[in-house]
Amino acid sequence: MKSNLKMALFFLSLLCSVSASISAVLAQEPSQTTLSTQLSIQQKDNFDLLATKASLDKELQAFFNSKYDYWDARVLADYWGQSVQDAKARMGRKILWGRTDIAILEQFLVDARVKALQSVKRAQNPSSYKFFRESTYTYDDANALAKFWGDRSVMDAKLRIERNLILGNDEMIEQALRYARN
């Protein structure tokens, strides 16, 4: 009887052990599924991120290959309320979309320039000329241009530089600066 009891206890413990193992395996199955689902979602997110990056690169390349420059993007960034980088991408997207969107982009640029020009007033504080401040032009450049253009002061030249940058006339400023230095 003792041996039967020992055998019964042995089989009972074996049954409990097998049952616990089966429960553990079954409990892990959903987490395996959850893990594979999480990996699948992560792979999709990574793919979407790569696709977005490729799209952004394509948009930026379209911008850089176009007639537009930093100052056009800078004016539109203010107008659209976004960063210059985002404005460049948005401009590139419109270029990629074709003629109709390029025409719309041109109108946006006109509207943005008009709005920016209306906000530029003669100022006592030179730091209020944000386009001049962001440019590579210096006080000495503004001084030389003031003399060349016949402006009364360096501040007047800074104002003129500010307006020309808004209008996208940075080449004209460069040319005037070359003449002013000769």
Protein backbone atom coordinates (compact mmCIF):
# COMPACT_ATOMS: atom_id res chain seq x y z
CA MET A 1 0.00 0.00 0.00
CA LYS A 2 2.89 2.32 0.75
CA SER A 3 4.30 1.74 -2.70
CA ASN A 4 0.88 2.39 -4.28
CA LEU A 5 0.66 5.62 -2.32
CA LYS A 6 4.16 6.57 -3.43
CA MET A 7 3.25 5.78 -7.03
CA ALA A 8 0.04 7.77 -6.79
CA LEU A 9 1.90 10.75 -5.33
CA PHE A 10 4.58 10.43 -8.01
CA PHE A 11 1.99 10.41 -10.83
CA LEU A 12 0.10 13.25 -9.16
CA SER A 13 3.25 15.40 -8.96
CA LEU A 14 4.12 14.46 -12.55
CA LEU A 15 0.62 15.43 -13.66
CA CYS A 16 0.88 18.74 -11.80
CA SER A 17 4.29 19.40 -13.33
CA VAL A 18 3.03 18.68 -16.86
CA SER A 19 -0.05 20.78 -16.21
CA ALA A 20 2.11 23.69 -15.00
CA SER A 21 4.33 23.37 -18.09
CA ILE A 22 1.32 23.37 -20.40
CA SER A 23 -0.11 26.40 -18.61
CA ALA A 24 3.22 28.21 -18.93
CA VAL A 25 3.41 27.45 -22.66
CA LEU A 26 -0.16 28.58 -23.20
CA ALA A 27 0.45 31.73 -21.18
CA GLN A 28 3.46 32.55 -23.36
CA GLU A 29 1.66 32.09 -26.65
CA PRO A 30 -0.29 35.36 -26.46
CA SER A 31 2.86 37.25 -25.50
CA GLN A 32 4.62 35.66 -28.48
CA THR A 33 1.73 36.88 -30.62
CA THR A 34 1.88 40.25 -28.94
CA LEU A 35 5.63 40.37 -29.52
CA SER A 36 5.25 39.51 -33.20
CA THR A 37 2.45 42.07 -33.49
CA GLN A 38 4.65 44.68 -31.84
CA LEU A 39 7.51 43.82 -34.18
CA SER A 40 5.17 44.06 -37.15
CA ILE A 41 3.92 47.47 -36.01
CA GLN A 42 7.48 48.64 -35.39
CA GLN A 43 8.56 47.44 -38.84
CA LYS A 44 5.62 49.29 -40.40
CA ASP A 45 6.51 52.44 -38.45
CA ASN A 46 10.14 52.13 -39.59
CA PHE A 47 9.00 51.65 -43.18
CA ASP A 48 6.71 54.67 -42.92
CA LEU A 49 9.57 56.68 -41.43
CA LEU A 50 11.88 55.65 -44.27
CA ALA A 51 9.20 56.45 -46.84
CA THR A 52 8.64 59.84 -45.21
CA LYS A 53 12.40 60.48 -45.16
CA ALA A 54 12.68 59.52 -48.84
CA SER A 55 9.73 61.76 -49.66
CA LEU A 56 11.25 64.64 -47.69
CA ASP A 57 14.60 64.17 -49.45
CA LYS A 58 12.83 64.23 -52.81
CA GLU A 59 10.94 67.40 -51.89
CA LEU A 60 14.09 69.14 -50.65
CA GLN A 61 15.99 68.09 -53.78
CA ALA A 62 13.20 69.58 -55.93
CA PHE A 63 13.54 72.83 -53.97
CA PHE A 64 17.33 72.94 -54.33
CA ASN A 65 17.09 72.22 -58.08
CA SER A 66 14.57 75.03 -58.57
CA LYS A 67 14.92 78.75 -59.12
CA TYR A 68 13.94 79.41 -55.50
CA ASP A 69 16.47 80.18 -52.77
CA TYR A 70 16.80 80.48 -49.01
CA TRP A 71 15.20 83.94 -48.89
CA ASP A 72 12.09 82.74 -50.75
CA ALA A 73 11.77 79.88 -48.27
CA ARG A 74 12.44 82.27 -45.38
CA VAL A 75 9.63 84.62 -46.41
CA LEU A 76 7.21 81.73 -46.94
CA ALA A 77 8.20 80.14 -43.63
CA ASP A 78 7.04 83.28 -41.83
CA TYR A 79 3.88 83.44 -43.95
CA TRP A 80 3.01 79.78 -43.40
CA GLY A 81 4.08 79.78 -39.76
CA GLN A 82 6.63 76.99 -40.08
CA SER A 83 10.37 76.44 -40.11
CA VAL A 84 12.50 77.31 -43.12
CA GLN A 85 13.26 73.60 -43.60
CA ASP A 86 9.53 72.76 -43.64
CA ALA A 87 8.88 75.63 -46.05
CA LYS A 88 11.59 74.31 -48.40
CA ALA A 89 9.98 70.86 -48.33
CA ARG A 90 6.53 72.34 -48.93
CA MET A 91 7.86 74.38 -51.85
CA GLY A 92 9.54 71.25 -53.25
CA ARG A 93 6.29 69.32 -52.91
CA LYS A 94 4.44 71.98 -54.91
CA ILE A 95 7.18 71.92 -57.55
CA LEU A 96 6.87 68.13 -57.83
CA TRP A 97 3.09 68.37 -58.17
CA GLY A 98 3.39 70.37 -61.38
CA ARG A 99 2.53 73.64 -63.08
CA THR A 100 -0.72 74.41 -61.30
CA ASP A 101 0.89 74.07 -57.90
CA ILE A 102 3.92 76.08 -59.03
CA ALA A 103 1.52 78.88 -60.03
CA ILE A 104 -0.08 78.64 -56.59
CA LEU A 105 3.40 78.72 -55.02
CA GLU A 106 4.22 81.88 -56.98
CA GLN A 107 1.05 83.54 -55.67
CA PHE A 108 1.87 82.46 -52.11
CA LEU A 109 5.30 84.03 -52.57
CA VAL A 110 3.80 87.32 -53.78
CA ASP A 111 1.35 87.38 -50.86
CA ALA A 112 4.11 86.51 -48.38
CA ARG A 113 6.37 89.26 -49.72
CA VAL A 114 3.60 91.85 -49.57
CA LYS A 115 2.80 90.88 -45.98
CA ALA A 116 6.49 90.89 -44.97
CA LEU A 117 7.12 94.26 -46.63
CA GLN A 118 4.13 95.77 -44.83
CA SER A 119 5.58 94.67 -41.51
CA VAL A 120 9.01 96.26 -42.14
CA LYS A 121 9.14 99.79 -40.78
CA ARG A 122 11.99 102.21 -40.27
CA ALA A 123 13.44 101.24 -36.90
CA GLN A 124 15.77 102.71 -34.34
CA ASN A 125 16.88 99.27 -33.25
CA PRO A 126 18.83 97.38 -35.96
CA SER A 127 17.87 94.03 -34.44
CA SER A 128 14.31 94.55 -35.66
CA TYR A 129 15.55 93.86 -39.20
CA LYS A 130 15.45 90.08 -38.90
CA PHE A 131 16.34 89.28 -42.51
CA PHE A 132 19.38 91.56 -42.33
CA ARG A 133 20.30 89.95 -39.00
CA GLU A 134 20.07 86.45 -40.50
CA SER A 135 22.09 87.40 -43.55
CA THR A 136 25.86 87.47 -43.84
CA TYR A 137 25.87 91.25 -44.30
CA THR A 138 27.75 93.30 -41.73
CA TYR A 139 27.67 96.85 -40.46
CA ASP A 140 30.58 97.65 -42.80
CA ASP A 141 28.60 96.26 -45.75
CA ALA A 142 25.60 98.40 -44.81
CA ASN A 143 27.87 101.44 -44.43
CA ALA A 144 29.41 100.89 -47.88
CA LEU A 145 25.97 100.38 -49.41
CA ALA A 146 24.59 103.49 -47.69
CA LYS A 147 27.28 105.57 -49.40
CA PHE A 148 26.79 103.78 -52.73
CA TRP A 149 22.99 104.10 -52.70
CA GLY A 150 23.05 107.63 -51.32
CA ASP A 151 21.18 106.68 -48.16
CA ARG A 152 21.33 109.10 -45.23
CA SER A 153 22.43 106.50 -42.69
CA VAL A 154 23.57 102.94 -42.18
CA MET A 155 20.11 102.19 -40.74
CA ASP A 156 18.55 103.30 -44.04
CA ALA A 157 20.85 100.90 -45.89
CA LYS A 158 19.93 98.09 -43.48
CA LEU A 159 16.26 98.82 -44.15
CA ARG A 160 16.90 98.69 -47.91
CA ILE A 161 18.84 95.41 -47.53
CA GLU A 162 15.96 94.00 -45.45
CA ARG A 163 13.41 94.88 -48.13
CA ASN A 164 15.57 93.53 -50.94
CA LEU A 165 16.05 90.23 -49.13
CA ILE A 166 12.28 89.96 -48.69
CA LEU A 167 11.87 90.60 -52.41
CA GLY A 168 14.45 87.94 -53.23
CA ASN A 169 16.93 90.48 -54.60
CA ASP A 170 20.01 89.18 -52.83
CA GLU A 171 21.95 89.11 -56.14
CA MET A 172 21.25 92.82 -56.57
CA ILE A 173 22.62 93.51 -53.09
CA GLU A 174 25.75 91.50 -53.88
CA GLN A 175 26.28 93.38 -57.14
CA ALA A 176 25.81 96.76 -55.44
CA LEU A 177 28.24 95.72 -52.72
CA ARG A 178 30.88 94.79 -55.31
CA TYR A 179 30.49 98.22 -56.95
CA ALA A 180 30.53 99.97 -53.57
CA ARG A 181 33.84 98.35 -52.63
CA ASN A 182 35.57 99.33 -55.90
